[in-house]
Amino acid sequence: MKKLILSLLVVICSCASSNEEQDKKEILALMKHQESDWSRHDLDCFMLGYWKSDSLKFQGKKGITYGWKQTLERYKKSYPYAEDTGKLKFKIRSISRIESNSYYVMGEYHLTREVGNADGIFMIIFKKIKGEWKIIADTSC
């Protein structure tokens, strides 16, 4: 009986680890798409990674913005031209599970631009909503 319980625990742990690795791969793939979208100055596509809800929270240097539409408008106002967005590169420092369907990602962003490069740090919270990973909160500075 003890061997059976031990075997079941090993299987459960290995499945949880496998699911976590798959979750992380999916989150990183979404962020890779965001790098490309941003670098093409396609802010509408970039925002597809965010939760399309009035409950989305984004905090930047200018304070907190609430809501998907307001966050998109803020990006468009702050980065009106391709020269402003430049080329985006994320450097991921940590991805940690919060609970079964949410993670936080900490890292750096680097914008290479003709108007002057910009660098900063971020912490993003992802949640799986209707089978898709979405950013529900973003702190970038």
C-alpha atoms as a PDB file:
ATOM      1  CA  MET A   1       0.000   0.000   0.000  1.00  0.00           C
ATOM      2  CA  LYS A   2       2.819   2.388   0.885  1.00  0.00           C
ATOM      3  CA  LYS A   3       4.461   1.712  -2.488  1.00  0.00           C
ATOM      4  CA  LEU A   4       1.189   2.502  -4.277  1.00  0.00           C
ATOM      5  CA  ILE A   5       0.772   5.795  -2.414  1.00  0.00           C
ATOM      6  CA  LEU A   6       4.391   6.728  -3.082  1.00  0.00           C
ATOM      7  CA  SER A   7       3.986   5.894  -6.780  1.00  0.00           C
ATOM      8  CA  LEU A   8       0.839   8.023  -7.001  1.00  0.00           C
ATOM      9  CA  LEU A   9       2.612  10.955  -5.336  1.00  0.00           C
ATOM     10  CA  VAL A  10       5.490  10.705  -7.826  1.00  0.00           C
ATOM     11  CA  VAL A  11       3.041  10.697 -10.753  1.00  0.00           C
ATOM     12  CA  ILE A  12       1.087  13.655  -9.334  1.00  0.00           C
ATOM     13  CA  CYS A  13       4.247  15.673  -8.702  1.00  0.00           C
ATOM     14  CA  SER A  14       5.616  14.909 -12.142  1.00  0.00           C
ATOM     15  CA  CYS A  15       2.329  15.966 -13.779  1.00  0.00           C
ATOM     16  CA  ALA A  16       2.260  19.212 -11.799  1.00  0.00           C
ATOM     17  CA  SER A  17       5.859  19.930 -12.802  1.00  0.00           C
ATOM     18  CA  SER A  18       5.070  19.134 -16.443  1.00  0.00           C
ATOM     19  CA  ASN A  19       2.021  21.418 -16.379  1.00  0.00           C
ATOM     20  CA  GLU A  20       4.071  24.208 -14.827  1.00  0.00           C
ATOM     21  CA  GLU A  21       6.754  23.874 -17.514  1.00  0.00           C
ATOM     22  CA  GLN A  22       4.063  23.970 -20.224  1.00  0.00           C
ATOM     23  CA  ASP A  23       2.475  27.045 -18.620  1.00  0.00           C
ATOM     24  CA  LYS A  24       5.835  28.815 -18.585  1.00  0.00           C
ATOM     25  CA  LYS A  25       6.468  27.934 -22.242  1.00  0.00           C
ATOM     26  CA  GLU A  26       3.057  29.369 -23.211  1.00  0.00           C
ATOM     27  CA  ILE A  27       3.654  32.574 -21.223  1.00  0.00           C
ATOM     28  CA  LEU A  28       7.104  33.033 -22.783  1.00  0.00           C
ATOM     29  CA  ALA A  29       5.638  32.455 -26.261  1.00  0.00           C
ATOM     30  CA  LEU A  30       3.005  35.137 -25.635  1.00  0.00           C
ATOM     31  CA  MET A  31       5.715  37.558 -24.517  1.00  0.00           C
ATOM     32  CA  LYS A  32       7.770  36.729 -27.642  1.00  0.00           C
ATOM     33  CA  HIS A  33       4.729  37.659 -29.759  1.00  0.00           C
ATOM     34  CA  GLN A  34       4.437  40.889 -27.811  1.00  0.00           C
ATOM     35  CA  GLU A  35       8.068  41.732 -28.591  1.00  0.00           C
ATOM     36  CA  SER A  36       7.340  41.307 -32.298  1.00  0.00           C
ATOM     37  CA  ASP A  37       4.053  43.225 -32.195  1.00  0.00           C
ATOM     38  CA  TRP A  38       5.630  46.141 -30.331  1.00  0.00           C
ATOM     39  CA  SER A  39       8.647  46.192 -32.647  1.00  0.00           C
ATOM     40  CA  ARG A  40       6.263  46.449 -35.655  1.00  0.00           C
ATOM     41  CA  HIS A  41       4.481  49.336 -33.880  1.00  0.00           C
ATOM     42  CA  ASP A  42       1.320  47.212 -33.775  1.00  0.00           C
ATOM     43  CA  LEU A  43       0.040  48.252 -30.365  1.00  0.00           C
ATOM     44  CA  ASP A  44      -3.401  46.744 -31.001  1.00  0.00           C
ATOM     45  CA  CYS A  45      -1.844  43.277 -31.455  1.00  0.00           C
ATOM     46  CA  PHE A  46       0.542  43.893 -28.538  1.00  0.00           C
ATOM     47  CA  MET A  47      -2.501  44.448 -26.314  1.00  0.00           C
ATOM     48  CA  LEU A  48      -3.997  41.048 -27.257  1.00  0.00           C
ATOM     49  CA  GLY A  49      -1.801  39.642 -24.484  1.00  0.00           C
ATOM     50  CA  TYR A  50      -3.692  41.736 -21.932  1.00  0.00           C
ATOM     51  CA  TRP A  51      -7.003  40.887 -20.289  1.00  0.00           C
ATOM     52  CA  LYS A  52      -9.692  42.793 -22.166  1.00  0.00           C
ATOM     53  CA  SER A  53     -11.439  44.015 -19.034  1.00  0.00           C
ATOM     54  CA  ASP A  54     -12.057  47.188 -17.087  1.00  0.00           C
ATOM     55  CA  SER A  55     -10.351  45.360 -14.198  1.00  0.00           C
ATOM     56  CA  LEU A  56      -6.938  45.302 -15.941  1.00  0.00           C
ATOM     57  CA  LYS A  57      -4.384  47.337 -13.996  1.00  0.00           C
ATOM     58  CA  PHE A  58      -1.264  48.956 -15.455  1.00  0.00           C
ATOM     59  CA  GLN A  59       1.146  50.961 -13.347  1.00  0.00           C
ATOM     60  CA  GLY A  60       3.866  53.002 -14.975  1.00  0.00           C
ATOM     61  CA  LYS A  61       5.798  56.154 -14.172  1.00  0.00           C
ATOM     62  CA  LYS A  62       2.638  58.266 -14.604  1.00  0.00           C
ATOM     63  CA  GLY A  63       0.537  56.260 -12.148  1.00  0.00           C
ATOM     64  CA  ILE A  64      -2.115  53.556 -12.438  1.00  0.00           C
ATOM     65  CA  THR A  65      -4.309  53.065 -15.473  1.00  0.00           C
ATOM     66  CA  TYR A  66      -7.432  50.930 -15.079  1.00  0.00           C
ATOM     67  CA  GLY A  67      -8.944  49.033 -17.977  1.00  0.00           C
ATOM     68  CA  TRP A  68      -7.855  47.506 -21.278  1.00  0.00           C
ATOM     69  CA  LYS A  69      -9.075  50.335 -23.494  1.00  0.00           C
ATOM     70  CA  GLN A  70      -7.503  53.005 -21.292  1.00  0.00           C
ATOM     71  CA  THR A  71      -4.193  51.112 -21.255  1.00  0.00           C
ATOM     72  CA  LEU A  72      -4.199  50.870 -25.067  1.00  0.00           C
ATOM     73  CA  GLU A  73      -4.967  54.596 -25.327  1.00  0.00           C
ATOM     74  CA  ARG A  74      -2.117  55.358 -22.914  1.00  0.00           C
ATOM     75  CA  TYR A  75       0.308  53.317 -25.021  1.00  0.00           C
ATOM     76  CA  LYS A  76      -0.846  55.021 -28.222  1.00  0.00           C
ATOM     77  CA  LYS A  77      -0.456  58.466 -26.660  1.00  0.00           C
ATOM     78  CA  SER A  78       2.986  57.700 -25.232  1.00  0.00           C
ATOM     79  CA  TYR A  79       4.256  55.870 -28.342  1.00  0.00           C
ATOM     80  CA  PRO A  80       2.521  57.510 -31.320  1.00  0.00           C
ATOM     81  CA  TYR A  81       5.112  56.597 -33.985  1.00  0.00           C
ATOM     82  CA  ALA A  82       7.287  53.620 -34.899  1.00  0.00           C
ATOM     83  CA  GLU A  83      10.339  55.669 -33.891  1.00  0.00           C
ATOM     84  CA  ASP A  84       8.878  55.826 -30.366  1.00  0.00           C
ATOM     85  CA  THR A  85       8.268  52.099 -29.970  1.00  0.00           C
ATOM     86  CA  GLY A  86      11.539  51.012 -31.549  1.00  0.00           C
ATOM     87  CA  LYS A  87      12.599  47.406 -31.081  1.00  0.00           C
ATOM     88  CA  LEU A  88      11.502  45.685 -27.841  1.00  0.00           C
ATOM     89  CA  LYS A  89      13.470  42.973 -26.088  1.00  0.00           C
ATOM     90  CA  PHE A  90      12.452  41.352 -22.793  1.00  0.00           C
ATOM     91  CA  LYS A  91      14.966  39.808 -20.426  1.00  0.00           C
ATOM     92  CA  ILE A  92      13.100  37.445 -18.122  1.00  0.00           C
ATOM     93  CA  ARG A  93      14.582  37.142 -14.640  1.00  0.00           C
ATOM     94  CA  SER A  94      11.936  34.985 -12.933  1.00  0.00           C
ATOM     95  CA  ILE A  95       8.642  33.219 -13.605  1.00  0.00           C
ATOM     96  CA  SER A  96       6.887  31.970 -10.488  1.00  0.00           C
ATOM     97  CA  ARG A  97       3.591  30.228  -9.973  1.00  0.00           C
ATOM     98  CA  ILE A  98       1.167  32.034  -7.681  1.00  0.00           C
ATOM     99  CA  GLU A  99      -1.534  29.368  -7.889  1.00  0.00           C
ATOM    100  CA  SER A 100      -2.633  26.779 -10.445  1.00  0.00           C
ATOM    101  CA  ASN A 101      -3.797  29.322 -13.018  1.00  0.00           C
ATOM    102  CA  SER A 102      -1.617  32.358 -12.351  1.00  0.00           C
ATOM    103  CA  TYR A 103       2.048  33.352 -12.452  1.00  0.00           C
ATOM    104  CA  TYR A 104       4.114  36.448 -11.978  1.00  0.00           C
ATOM    105  CA  VAL A 105       6.946  37.325 -14.321  1.00  0.00           C
ATOM    106  CA  MET A 106       9.770  39.666 -13.345  1.00  0.00           C
ATOM    107  CA  GLY A 107      12.262  41.052 -15.786  1.00  0.00           C
ATOM    108  CA  GLU A 108      13.684  43.901 -17.787  1.00  0.00           C
ATOM    109  CA  TYR A 109      12.623  45.563 -21.001  1.00  0.00           C
ATOM    110  CA  HIS A 110      14.941  47.212 -23.473  1.00  0.00           C
ATOM    111  CA  LEU A 111      13.802  49.528 -26.264  1.00  0.00           C
ATOM    112  CA  THR A 112      16.339  50.220 -29.006  1.00  0.00           C
ATOM    113  CA  ARG A 113      15.218  53.438 -30.705  1.00  0.00           C
ATOM    114  CA  GLU A 114      16.557  56.223 -32.898  1.00  0.00           C
ATOM    115  CA  VAL A 115      14.938  58.746 -30.526  1.00  0.00           C
ATOM    116  CA  GLY A 116      16.972  57.298 -27.646  1.00  0.00           C
ATOM    117  CA  ASN A 117      17.000  53.904 -26.027  1.00  0.00           C
ATOM    118  CA  ALA A 118      14.841  53.171 -23.005  1.00  0.00           C
ATOM    119  CA  ASP A 119      15.301  50.499 -20.376  1.00  0.00           C
ATOM    120  CA  GLY A 120      13.321  49.505 -17.333  1.00  0.00           C
ATOM    121  CA  ILE A 121      11.980  46.736 -15.169  1.00  0.00           C
ATOM    122  CA  PHE A 122       8.589  45.067 -14.904  1.00  0.00           C
ATOM    123  CA  MET A 123       6.498  42.666 -12.907  1.00  0.00           C
ATOM    124  CA  ILE A 124       3.548  41.194 -14.764  1.00  0.00           C
ATOM    125  CA  ILE A 125       0.810  38.927 -13.424  1.00  0.00           C
ATOM    126  CA  PHE A 126      -0.598  36.386 -15.875  1.00  0.00           C
ATOM    127  CA  LYS A 127      -3.825  34.490 -15.336  1.00  0.00           C
ATOM    128  CA  LYS A 128      -5.345  31.767 -17.491  1.00  0.00           C
ATOM    129  CA  ILE A 129      -8.753  33.047 -18.543  1.00  0.00           C
ATOM    130  CA  LYS A 130     -11.008  30.946 -20.798  1.00  0.00           C
ATOM    131  CA  GLY A 131      -8.015  28.767 -21.708  1.00  0.00           C
ATOM    132  CA  GLU A 132      -5.687  31.659 -22.629  1.00  0.00           C
ATOM    133  CA  TRP A 133      -2.915  33.362 -20.695  1.00  0.00           C
ATOM    134  CA  LYS A 134      -3.640  37.056 -20.182  1.00  0.00           C
ATOM    135  CA  ILE A 135      -1.857  39.837 -18.354  1.00  0.00           C
ATOM    136  CA  ILE A 136      -4.162  41.036 -15.571  1.00  0.00           C
ATOM    137  CA  ALA A 137      -1.696  43.433 -13.916  1.00  0.00           C
ATOM    138  CA  ASP A 138       1.466  45.101 -15.181  1.00  0.00           C
ATOM    139  CA  THR A 139       3.912  47.285 -13.293  1.00  0.00           C
ATOM    140  CA  SER A 140       6.567  48.723 -15.573  1.00  0.00           C
ATOM    141  CA  CYS A 141       9.015  51.505 -14.864  1.00  0.00           C
END
